[in-house]
mmCIF file of all heavy atoms, coordinates in Angstrom:
data_MODEL
# 
_entry.id   MODEL 
# 
loop_
_atom_site.group_PDB 
_atom_site.id 
_atom_site.type_symbol 
_atom_site.label_atom_id 
_atom_site.label_alt_id 
_atom_site.label_comp_id 
_atom_site.label_asym_id 
_atom_site.label_entity_id 
_atom_site.label_seq_id 
_atom_site.pdbx_PDB_ins_code 
_atom_site.Cartn_x 
_atom_site.Cartn_y 
_atom_site.Cartn_z 
_atom_site.occupancy 
_atom_site.B_iso_or_equiv 
_atom_site.pdbx_formal_charge 
_atom_site.auth_seq_id 
_atom_site.auth_comp_id 
_atom_site.auth_asym_id 
_atom_site.auth_atom_id 
_atom_site.pdbx_PDB_model_num 
ATOM 1   N N   . ILE A 1 1  ? 71.644 110.039 28.823 1.00 0.00 ? 1  ILE A N   1 
ATOM 2   C CA  . ILE A 1 1  ? 70.371 110.625 29.251 1.00 0.00 ? 1  ILE A CA  1 
ATOM 3   C C   . ILE A 1 1  ? 69.328 109.542 29.457 1.00 0.00 ? 1  ILE A C   1 
ATOM 4   O O   . ILE A 1 1  ? 68.591 109.552 30.436 1.00 0.00 ? 1  ILE A O   1 
ATOM 5   C CB  . ILE A 1 1  ? 69.896 111.681 28.243 1.00 0.00 ? 1  ILE A CB  1 
ATOM 6   C CG1 . ILE A 1 1  ? 70.832 112.892 28.276 1.00 0.00 ? 1  ILE A CG1 1 
ATOM 7   C CG2 . ILE A 1 1  ? 68.455 112.101 28.518 1.00 0.00 ? 1  ILE A CG2 1 
ATOM 8   C CD1 . ILE A 1 1  ? 70.588 113.886 27.176 1.00 0.00 ? 1  ILE A CD1 1 
ATOM 9   N N   . ARG A 1 2  ? 69.280 108.573 28.529 1.00 0.00 ? 2  ARG A N   1 
ATOM 10  C CA  . ARG A 1 2  ? 68.309 107.478 28.673 1.00 0.00 ? 2  ARG A CA  1 
ATOM 11  C C   . ARG A 1 2  ? 68.574 106.659 29.929 1.00 0.00 ? 2  ARG A C   1 
ATOM 12  O O   . ARG A 1 2  ? 67.643 106.256 30.633 1.00 0.00 ? 2  ARG A O   1 
ATOM 13  C CB  . ARG A 1 2  ? 68.324 106.575 27.442 1.00 0.00 ? 2  ARG A CB  1 
ATOM 14  C CG  . ARG A 1 2  ? 67.610 107.207 26.259 1.00 0.00 ? 2  ARG A CG  1 
ATOM 15  C CD  . ARG A 1 2  ? 67.501 106.253 25.124 1.00 0.00 ? 2  ARG A CD  1 
ATOM 16  N NE  . ARG A 1 2  ? 68.804 106.202 24.441 1.00 0.00 ? 2  ARG A NE  1 
ATOM 17  C CZ  . ARG A 1 2  ? 69.113 105.351 23.484 1.00 0.00 ? 2  ARG A CZ  1 
ATOM 18  N NH1 . ARG A 1 2  ? 68.260 104.467 23.084 1.00 0.00 ? 2  ARG A NH1 1 
ATOM 19  N NH2 . ARG A 1 2  ? 70.294 105.385 22.915 1.00 0.00 ? 2  ARG A NH2 1 
ATOM 20  N N   . VAL A 1 3  ? 69.838 106.411 30.234 1.00 0.00 ? 3  VAL A N   1 
ATOM 21  C CA  . VAL A 1 3  ? 70.176 105.648 31.441 1.00 0.00 ? 3  VAL A CA  1 
ATOM 22  C C   . VAL A 1 3  ? 69.759 106.431 32.688 1.00 0.00 ? 3  VAL A C   1 
ATOM 23  O O   . VAL A 1 3  ? 69.157 105.877 33.611 1.00 0.00 ? 3  VAL A O   1 
ATOM 24  C CB  . VAL A 1 3  ? 71.679 105.305 31.478 1.00 0.00 ? 3  VAL A CB  1 
ATOM 25  C CG1 . VAL A 1 3  ? 72.092 104.767 32.833 1.00 0.00 ? 3  VAL A CG1 1 
ATOM 26  C CG2 . VAL A 1 3  ? 72.014 104.305 30.385 1.00 0.00 ? 3  VAL A CG2 1 
ATOM 27  N N   . LEU A 1 4  ? 70.060 107.725 32.711 1.00 0.00 ? 4  LEU A N   1 
ATOM 28  C CA  . LEU A 1 4  ? 69.690 108.539 33.875 1.00 0.00 ? 4  LEU A CA  1 
ATOM 29  C C   . LEU A 1 4  ? 68.176 108.618 34.060 1.00 0.00 ? 4  LEU A C   1 
ATOM 30  O O   . LEU A 1 4  ? 67.672 108.520 35.181 1.00 0.00 ? 4  LEU A O   1 
ATOM 31  C CB  . LEU A 1 4  ? 70.271 109.942 33.740 1.00 0.00 ? 4  LEU A CB  1 
ATOM 32  C CG  . LEU A 1 4  ? 71.780 110.053 33.918 1.00 0.00 ? 4  LEU A CG  1 
ATOM 33  C CD1 . LEU A 1 4  ? 72.249 111.472 33.655 1.00 0.00 ? 4  LEU A CD1 1 
ATOM 34  C CD2 . LEU A 1 4  ? 72.177 109.605 35.302 1.00 0.00 ? 4  LEU A CD2 1 
ATOM 35  N N   . VAL A 1 5  ? 67.440 108.775 32.962 1.00 0.00 ? 5  VAL A N   1 
ATOM 36  C CA  . VAL A 1 5  ? 65.976 108.824 33.046 1.00 0.00 ? 5  VAL A CA  1 
ATOM 37  C C   . VAL A 1 5  ? 65.441 107.483 33.540 1.00 0.00 ? 5  VAL A C   1 
ATOM 38  O O   . VAL A 1 5  ? 64.547 107.427 34.389 1.00 0.00 ? 5  VAL A O   1 
ATOM 39  C CB  . VAL A 1 5  ? 65.355 109.204 31.688 1.00 0.00 ? 5  VAL A CB  1 
ATOM 40  C CG1 . VAL A 1 5  ? 63.862 108.963 31.669 1.00 0.00 ? 5  VAL A CG1 1 
ATOM 41  C CG2 . VAL A 1 5  ? 65.663 110.650 31.358 1.00 0.00 ? 5  VAL A CG2 1 
ATOM 42  N N   . GLY A 1 6  ? 65.995 106.399 33.018 1.00 0.00 ? 6  GLY A N   1 
ATOM 43  C CA  . GLY A 1 6  ? 65.558 105.074 33.444 1.00 0.00 ? 6  GLY A CA  1 
ATOM 44  C C   . GLY A 1 6  ? 65.799 104.825 34.917 1.00 0.00 ? 6  GLY A C   1 
ATOM 45  O O   . GLY A 1 6  ? 64.926 104.339 35.634 1.00 0.00 ? 6  GLY A O   1 
ATOM 46  N N   . VAL A 1 7  ? 66.987 105.188 35.385 1.00 0.00 ? 7  VAL A N   1 
ATOM 47  C CA  . VAL A 1 7  ? 67.298 105.020 36.809 1.00 0.00 ? 7  VAL A CA  1 
ATOM 48  C C   . VAL A 1 7  ? 66.399 105.906 37.654 1.00 0.00 ? 7  VAL A C   1 
ATOM 49  O O   . VAL A 1 7  ? 65.892 105.484 38.703 1.00 0.00 ? 7  VAL A O   1 
ATOM 50  C CB  . VAL A 1 7  ? 68.788 105.312 37.073 1.00 0.00 ? 7  VAL A CB  1 
ATOM 51  C CG1 . VAL A 1 7  ? 69.077 105.401 38.551 1.00 0.00 ? 7  VAL A CG1 1 
ATOM 52  C CG2 . VAL A 1 7  ? 69.660 104.255 36.421 1.00 0.00 ? 7  VAL A CG2 1 
ATOM 53  N N   . GLY A 1 8  ? 66.167 107.139 37.201 1.00 0.00 ? 8  GLY A N   1 
ATOM 54  C CA  . GLY A 1 8  ? 65.294 108.055 37.938 1.00 0.00 ? 8  GLY A CA  1 
ATOM 55  C C   . GLY A 1 8  ? 63.883 107.513 38.076 1.00 0.00 ? 8  GLY A C   1 
ATOM 56  O O   . GLY A 1 8  ? 63.276 107.589 39.151 1.00 0.00 ? 8  GLY A O   1 
ATOM 57  N N   . LEU A 1 9  ? 63.364 106.942 36.997 1.00 0.00 ? 9  LEU A N   1 
ATOM 58  C CA  . LEU A 1 9  ? 62.017 106.373 37.064 1.00 0.00 ? 9  LEU A CA  1 
ATOM 59  C C   . LEU A 1 9  ? 61.974 105.131 37.952 1.00 0.00 ? 9  LEU A C   1 
ATOM 60  O O   . LEU A 1 9  ? 61.004 104.912 38.679 1.00 0.00 ? 9  LEU A O   1 
ATOM 61  C CB  . LEU A 1 9  ? 61.513 106.039 35.659 1.00 0.00 ? 9  LEU A CB  1 
ATOM 62  C CG  . LEU A 1 9  ? 61.136 107.234 34.796 1.00 0.00 ? 9  LEU A CG  1 
ATOM 63  C CD1 . LEU A 1 9  ? 60.860 106.792 33.364 1.00 0.00 ? 9  LEU A CD1 1 
ATOM 64  C CD2 . LEU A 1 9  ? 59.930 107.945 35.367 1.00 0.00 ? 9  LEU A CD2 1 
ATOM 65  N N   . LEU A 1 10 ? 63.013 104.323 37.896 1.00 0.00 ? 10 LEU A N   1 
ATOM 66  C CA  . LEU A 1 10 ? 63.046 103.130 38.751 1.00 0.00 ? 10 LEU A CA  1 
ATOM 67  C C   . LEU A 1 10 ? 63.153 103.505 40.226 1.00 0.00 ? 10 LEU A C   1 
ATOM 68  O O   . LEU A 1 10 ? 62.631 102.797 41.084 1.00 0.00 ? 10 LEU A O   1 
ATOM 69  C CB  . LEU A 1 10 ? 64.201 102.218 38.356 1.00 0.00 ? 10 LEU A CB  1 
ATOM 70  C CG  . LEU A 1 10 ? 63.954 101.389 37.109 1.00 0.00 ? 10 LEU A CG  1 
ATOM 71  C CD1 . LEU A 1 10 ? 65.218 100.638 36.714 1.00 0.00 ? 10 LEU A CD1 1 
ATOM 72  C CD2 . LEU A 1 10 ? 62.812 100.419 37.325 1.00 0.00 ? 10 LEU A CD2 1 
ATOM 73  N N   . ILE A 1 11 ? 63.825 104.593 40.521 1.00 0.00 ? 11 ILE A N   1 
ATOM 74  C CA  . ILE A 1 11 ? 63.906 105.048 41.913 1.00 0.00 ? 11 ILE A CA  1 
ATOM 75  C C   . ILE A 1 11 ? 62.518 105.377 42.448 1.00 0.00 ? 11 ILE A C   1 
ATOM 76  O O   . ILE A 1 11 ? 62.228 105.158 43.625 1.00 0.00 ? 11 ILE A O   1 
ATOM 77  C CB  . ILE A 1 11 ? 64.866 106.252 42.025 1.00 0.00 ? 11 ILE A CB  1 
ATOM 78  C CG1 . ILE A 1 11 ? 66.301 105.768 41.850 1.00 0.00 ? 11 ILE A CG1 1 
ATOM 79  C CG2 . ILE A 1 11 ? 64.703 106.976 43.346 1.00 0.00 ? 11 ILE A CG2 1 
ATOM 80  C CD1 . ILE A 1 11 ? 67.323 106.872 41.773 1.00 0.00 ? 11 ILE A CD1 1 
ATOM 81  N N   . LEU A 1 12 ? 61.646 105.864 41.571 1.00 0.00 ? 12 LEU A N   1 
ATOM 82  C CA  . LEU A 1 12 ? 60.278 106.181 42.006 1.00 0.00 ? 12 LEU A CA  1 
ATOM 83  C C   . LEU A 1 12 ? 59.510 104.953 42.482 1.00 0.00 ? 12 LEU A C   1 
ATOM 84  O O   . LEU A 1 12 ? 58.552 105.072 43.237 1.00 0.00 ? 12 LEU A O   1 
ATOM 85  C CB  . LEU A 1 12 ? 59.509 106.864 40.874 1.00 0.00 ? 12 LEU A CB  1 
ATOM 86  C CG  . LEU A 1 12 ? 59.960 108.260 40.497 1.00 0.00 ? 12 LEU A CG  1 
ATOM 87  C CD1 . LEU A 1 12 ? 59.146 108.762 39.313 1.00 0.00 ? 12 LEU A CD1 1 
ATOM 88  C CD2 . LEU A 1 12 ? 59.835 109.201 41.668 1.00 0.00 ? 12 LEU A CD2 1 
ATOM 89  N N   . VAL A 1 13 ? 59.916 103.776 42.031 1.00 0.00 ? 13 VAL A N   1 
ATOM 90  C CA  . VAL A 1 13 ? 59.237 102.545 42.465 1.00 0.00 ? 13 VAL A CA  1 
ATOM 91  C C   . VAL A 1 13 ? 59.530 102.276 43.942 1.00 0.00 ? 13 VAL A C   1 
ATOM 92  O O   . VAL A 1 13 ? 58.669 101.819 44.675 1.00 0.00 ? 13 VAL A O   1 
ATOM 93  C CB  . VAL A 1 13 ? 59.690 101.343 41.605 1.00 0.00 ? 13 VAL A CB  1 
ATOM 94  C CG1 . VAL A 1 13 ? 59.149 100.039 42.145 1.00 0.00 ? 13 VAL A CG1 1 
ATOM 95  C CG2 . VAL A 1 13 ? 59.250 101.533 40.164 1.00 0.00 ? 13 VAL A CG2 1 
ATOM 96  N N   . PHE A 1 14 ? 60.756 102.587 44.367 1.00 0.00 ? 14 PHE A N   1 
ATOM 97  C CA  . PHE A 1 14 ? 61.176 102.241 45.721 1.00 0.00 ? 14 PHE A CA  1 
ATOM 98  C C   . PHE A 1 14 ? 61.125 103.421 46.689 1.00 0.00 ? 14 PHE A C   1 
ATOM 99  O O   . PHE A 1 14 ? 60.963 103.231 47.883 1.00 0.00 ? 14 PHE A O   1 
ATOM 100 C CB  . PHE A 1 14 ? 62.593 101.666 45.677 1.00 0.00 ? 14 PHE A CB  1 
ATOM 101 C CG  . PHE A 1 14 ? 62.699 100.471 44.777 1.00 0.00 ? 14 PHE A CG  1 
ATOM 102 C CD1 . PHE A 1 14 ? 63.304 100.571 43.539 1.00 0.00 ? 14 PHE A CD1 1 
ATOM 103 C CD2 . PHE A 1 14 ? 62.160 99.256  45.151 1.00 0.00 ? 14 PHE A CD2 1 
ATOM 104 C CE1 . PHE A 1 14 ? 63.392 99.476  42.698 1.00 0.00 ? 14 PHE A CE1 1 
ATOM 105 C CE2 . PHE A 1 14 ? 62.235 98.145  44.323 1.00 0.00 ? 14 PHE A CE2 1 
ATOM 106 C CZ  . PHE A 1 14 ? 62.860 98.263  43.090 1.00 0.00 ? 14 PHE A CZ  1 
ATOM 107 N N   . VAL A 1 15 ? 61.292 104.641 46.166 1.00 0.00 ? 15 VAL A N   1 
ATOM 108 C CA  . VAL A 1 15 ? 61.301 105.841 46.995 1.00 0.00 ? 15 VAL A CA  1 
ATOM 109 C C   . VAL A 1 15 ? 60.319 106.826 46.366 1.00 0.00 ? 15 VAL A C   1 
ATOM 110 O O   . VAL A 1 15 ? 60.221 106.925 45.160 1.00 0.00 ? 15 VAL A O   1 
ATOM 111 C CB  . VAL A 1 15 ? 62.711 106.477 47.032 1.00 0.00 ? 15 VAL A CB  1 
ATOM 112 C CG1 . VAL A 1 15 ? 62.730 107.721 47.881 1.00 0.00 ? 15 VAL A CG1 1 
ATOM 113 C CG2 . VAL A 1 15 ? 63.736 105.474 47.506 1.00 0.00 ? 15 VAL A CG2 1 
ATOM 114 N N   . GLY A 1 16 ? 59.628 107.551 47.162 1.00 0.00 ? 16 GLY A N   1 
ATOM 115 C CA  . GLY A 1 16 ? 58.690 108.534 46.616 1.00 0.00 ? 16 GLY A CA  1 
ATOM 116 C C   . GLY A 1 16 ? 57.280 107.981 46.577 1.00 0.00 ? 16 GLY A C   1 
ATOM 117 O O   . GLY A 1 16 ? 56.846 107.310 47.510 1.00 0.00 ? 16 GLY A O   1 
ATOM 118 N N   . PRO A 1 17 ? 56.568 108.212 45.471 1.00 0.00 ? 17 PRO A N   1 
ATOM 119 C CA  . PRO A 1 17 ? 55.168 107.783 45.427 1.00 0.00 ? 17 PRO A CA  1 
ATOM 120 C C   . PRO A 1 17 ? 54.985 106.270 45.356 1.00 0.00 ? 17 PRO A C   1 
ATOM 121 O O   . PRO A 1 17 ? 53.916 105.768 45.611 1.00 0.00 ? 17 PRO A O   1 
ATOM 122 C CB  . PRO A 1 17 ? 54.621 108.453 44.173 1.00 0.00 ? 17 PRO A CB  1 
ATOM 123 C CG  . PRO A 1 17 ? 55.796 108.790 43.343 1.00 0.00 ? 17 PRO A CG  1 
ATOM 124 C CD  . PRO A 1 17 ? 56.948 108.974 44.288 1.00 0.00 ? 17 PRO A CD  1 
ATOM 125 N N   . GLN A 1 18 ? 56.026 105.523 45.028 1.00 0.00 ? 18 GLN A N   1 
ATOM 126 C CA  . GLN A 1 18 ? 56.005 104.061 44.958 1.00 0.00 ? 18 GLN A CA  1 
ATOM 127 C C   . GLN A 1 18 ? 54.856 103.534 44.097 1.00 0.00 ? 18 GLN A C   1 
ATOM 128 O O   . GLN A 1 18 ? 54.105 102.654 44.503 1.00 0.00 ? 18 GLN A O   1 
ATOM 129 C CB  . GLN A 1 18 ? 55.951 103.466 46.355 1.00 0.00 ? 18 GLN A CB  1 
ATOM 130 C CG  . GLN A 1 18 ? 57.148 103.834 47.184 1.00 0.00 ? 18 GLN A CG  1 
ATOM 131 C CD  . GLN A 1 18 ? 57.101 103.280 48.578 1.00 0.00 ? 18 GLN A CD  1 
ATOM 132 O OE1 . GLN A 1 18 ? 56.067 102.852 49.063 1.00 0.00 ? 18 GLN A OE1 1 
ATOM 133 N NE2 . GLN A 1 18 ? 58.233 103.297 49.249 1.00 0.00 ? 18 GLN A NE2 1 
ATOM 134 N N   . THR A 1 19 ? 54.752 104.065 42.900 1.00 0.00 ? 19 THR A N   1 
ATOM 135 C CA  . THR A 1 19 ? 53.737 103.588 41.967 1.00 0.00 ? 19 THR A CA  1 
ATOM 136 C C   . THR A 1 19 ? 54.368 102.630 40.968 1.00 0.00 ? 19 THR A C   1 
ATOM 137 O O   . THR A 1 19 ? 55.563 102.715 40.678 1.00 0.00 ? 19 THR A O   1 
ATOM 138 C CB  . THR A 1 19 ? 53.111 104.768 41.197 1.00 0.00 ? 19 THR A CB  1 
ATOM 139 O OG1 . THR A 1 19 ? 54.117 105.383 40.400 1.00 0.00 ? 19 THR A OG1 1 
ATOM 140 C CG2 . THR A 1 19 ? 52.488 105.782 42.133 1.00 0.00 ? 19 THR A CG2 1 
ATOM 141 N N   . PRO A 1 20 ? 53.585 101.714 40.435 1.00 0.00 ? 20 PRO A N   1 
ATOM 142 C CA  . PRO A 1 20 ? 54.131 100.775 39.447 1.00 0.00 ? 20 PRO A CA  1 
ATOM 143 C C   . PRO A 1 20 ? 54.528 101.446 38.135 1.00 0.00 ? 20 PRO A C   1 
ATOM 144 O O   . PRO A 1 20 ? 55.222 100.851 37.324 1.00 0.00 ? 20 PRO A O   1 
ATOM 145 C CB  . PRO A 1 20 ? 53.002 99.772  39.225 1.00 0.00 ? 20 PRO A CB  1 
ATOM 146 C CG  . PRO A 1 20 ? 51.807 100.302 39.903 1.00 0.00 ? 20 PRO A CG  1 
ATOM 147 C CD  . PRO A 1 20 ? 52.223 101.399 40.812 1.00 0.00 ? 20 PRO A CD  1 
ATOM 148 N N   . TRP A 1 21 ? 54.120 102.669 37.896 1.00 0.00 ? 21 TRP A N   1 
ATOM 149 C CA  . TRP A 1 21 ? 54.505 103.373 36.666 1.00 0.00 ? 21 TRP A CA  1 
ATOM 150 C C   . TRP A 1 21 ? 56.007 103.583 36.585 1.00 0.00 ? 21 TRP A C   1 
ATOM 151 O O   . TRP A 1 21 ? 56.559 103.787 35.508 1.00 0.00 ? 21 TRP A O   1 
ATOM 152 C CB  . TRP A 1 21 ? 53.785 104.716 36.559 1.00 0.00 ? 21 TRP A CB  1 
ATOM 153 C CG  . TRP A 1 21 ? 52.381 104.552 36.114 1.00 0.00 ? 21 TRP A CG  1 
ATOM 154 C CD1 . TRP A 1 21 ? 51.271 104.609 36.892 1.00 0.00 ? 21 TRP A CD1 1 
ATOM 155 C CD2 . TRP A 1 21 ? 51.917 104.273 34.798 1.00 0.00 ? 21 TRP A CD2 1 
ATOM 156 N NE1 . TRP A 1 21 ? 50.153 104.390 36.151 1.00 0.00 ? 21 TRP A NE1 1 
ATOM 157 C CE2 . TRP A 1 21 ? 50.520 104.175 34.855 1.00 0.00 ? 21 TRP A CE2 1 
ATOM 158 C CE3 . TRP A 1 21 ? 52.551 104.081 33.583 1.00 0.00 ? 21 TRP A CE3 1 
ATOM 159 C CZ2 . TRP A 1 21 ? 49.747 103.899 33.730 1.00 0.00 ? 21 TRP A CZ2 1 
ATOM 160 C CZ3 . TRP A 1 21 ? 51.781 103.805 32.465 1.00 0.00 ? 21 TRP A CZ3 1 
ATOM 161 C CH2 . TRP A 1 21 ? 50.401 103.719 32.553 1.00 0.00 ? 21 TRP A CH2 1 
ATOM 162 N N   . GLY A 1 22 ? 56.692 103.528 37.693 1.00 0.00 ? 22 GLY A N   1 
ATOM 163 C CA  . GLY A 1 22 ? 58.145 103.674 37.687 1.00 0.00 ? 22 GLY A CA  1 
ATOM 164 C C   . GLY A 1 22 ? 58.855 102.566 36.928 1.00 0.00 ? 22 GLY A C   1 
ATOM 165 O O   . GLY A 1 22 ? 59.967 102.740 36.457 1.00 0.00 ? 22 GLY A O   1 
ATOM 166 N N   . TRP A 1 23 ? 58.190 101.409 36.800 1.00 0.00 ? 23 TRP A N   1 
ATOM 167 C CA  . TRP A 1 23 ? 58.786 100.291 36.065 1.00 0.00 ? 23 TRP A CA  1 
ATOM 168 C C   . TRP A 1 23 ? 58.946 100.606 34.581 1.00 0.00 ? 23 TRP A C   1 
ATOM 169 O O   . TRP A 1 23 ? 59.663 99.896  33.873 1.00 0.00 ? 23 TRP A O   1 
ATOM 170 C CB  . TRP A 1 23 ? 57.980 99.017  36.266 1.00 0.00 ? 23 TRP A CB  1 
ATOM 171 C CG  . TRP A 1 23 ? 58.123 98.473  37.639 1.00 0.00 ? 23 TRP A CG  1 
ATOM 172 C CD1 . TRP A 1 23 ? 57.188 98.485  38.634 1.00 0.00 ? 23 TRP A CD1 1 
ATOM 173 C CD2 . TRP A 1 23 ? 59.277 97.863  38.213 1.00 0.00 ? 23 TRP A CD2 1 
ATOM 174 N NE1 . TRP A 1 23 ? 57.689 97.920  39.779 1.00 0.00 ? 23 TRP A NE1 1 
ATOM 175 C CE2 . TRP A 1 23 ? 58.972 97.525  39.542 1.00 0.00 ? 23 TRP A CE2 1 
ATOM 176 C CE3 . TRP A 1 23 ? 60.548 97.563  37.726 1.00 0.00 ? 23 TRP A CE3 1 
ATOM 177 C CZ2 . TRP A 1 23 ? 59.892 96.904  40.385 1.00 0.00 ? 23 TRP A CZ2 1 
ATOM 178 C CZ3 . TRP A 1 23 ? 61.461 96.958  38.576 1.00 0.00 ? 23 TRP A CZ3 1 
ATOM 179 C CH2 . TRP A 1 23 ? 61.134 96.630  39.883 1.00 0.00 ? 23 TRP A CH2 1 
ATOM 180 N N   . VAL A 1 24 ? 58.304 101.655 34.115 1.00 0.00 ? 24 VAL A N   1 
ATOM 181 C CA  . VAL A 1 24 ? 58.493 102.101 32.728 1.00 0.00 ? 24 VAL A CA  1 
ATOM 182 C C   . VAL A 1 24 ? 59.960 102.495 32.526 1.00 0.00 ? 24 VAL A C   1 
ATOM 183 O O   . VAL A 1 24 ? 60.475 102.449 31.415 1.00 0.00 ? 24 VAL A O   1 
ATOM 184 C CB  . VAL A 1 24 ? 57.543 103.281 32.412 1.00 0.00 ? 24 VAL A CB  1 
ATOM 185 C CG1 . VAL A 1 24 ? 57.818 103.880 31.063 1.00 0.00 ? 24 VAL A CG1 1 
ATOM 186 C CG2 . VAL A 1 24 ? 56.102 102.820 32.513 1.00 0.00 ? 24 VAL A CG2 1 
ATOM 187 N N   . GLY A 1 25 ? 60.651 102.835 33.597 1.00 0.00 ? 25 GLY A N   1 
ATOM 188 C CA  . GLY A 1 25 ? 62.053 103.212 33.525 1.00 0.00 ? 25 GLY A CA  1 
ATOM 189 C C   . GLY A 1 25 ? 62.964 102.104 33.048 1.00 0.00 ? 25 GLY A C   1 
ATOM 190 O O   . GLY A 1 25 ? 64.102 102.361 32.655 1.00 0.00 ? 25 GLY A O   1 
ATOM 191 N N   . VAL A 1 26 ? 62.489 100.865 33.058 1.00 0.00 ? 26 VAL A N   1 
ATOM 192 C CA  . VAL A 1 26 ? 63.299 99.755  32.567 1.00 0.00 ? 26 VAL A CA  1 
ATOM 193 C C   . VAL A 1 26 ? 63.585 99.931  31.070 1.00 0.00 ? 26 VAL A C   1 
ATOM 194 O O   . VAL A 1 26 ? 64.678 99.615  30.598 1.00 0.00 ? 26 VAL A O   1 
ATOM 195 C CB  . VAL A 1 26 ? 62.587 98.410  32.842 1.00 0.00 ? 26 VAL A CB  1 
ATOM 196 C CG1 . VAL A 1 26 ? 63.287 97.260  32.160 1.00 0.00 ? 26 VAL A CG1 1 
ATOM 197 C CG2 . VAL A 1 26 ? 62.477 98.168  34.333 1.00 0.00 ? 26 VAL A CG2 1 
ATOM 198 N N   . VAL A 1 27 ? 62.629 100.457 30.333 1.00 0.00 ? 27 VAL A N   1 
ATOM 199 C CA  . VAL A 1 27 ? 62.785 100.598 28.880 1.00 0.00 ? 27 VAL A CA  1 
ATOM 200 C C   . VAL A 1 27 ? 63.921 101.558 28.533 1.00 0.00 ? 27 VAL A C   1 
ATOM 201 O O   . VAL A 1 27 ? 64.845 101.173 27.804 1.00 0.00 ? 27 VAL A O   1 
ATOM 202 C CB  . VAL A 1 27 ? 61.452 101.022 28.217 1.00 0.00 ? 27 VAL A CB  1 
ATOM 203 C CG1 . VAL A 1 27 ? 61.652 101.297 26.740 1.00 0.00 ? 27 VAL A CG1 1 
ATOM 204 C CG2 . VAL A 1 27 ? 60.390 99.971  28.442 1.00 0.00 ? 27 VAL A CG2 1 
# 
């Protein structure tokens, strides 16, 4: 679940709203 959530948040950096908050998905 943590891996899927992390990947999902990182996808937001490149696709979608493209906000820097997606980098939180690295954690």
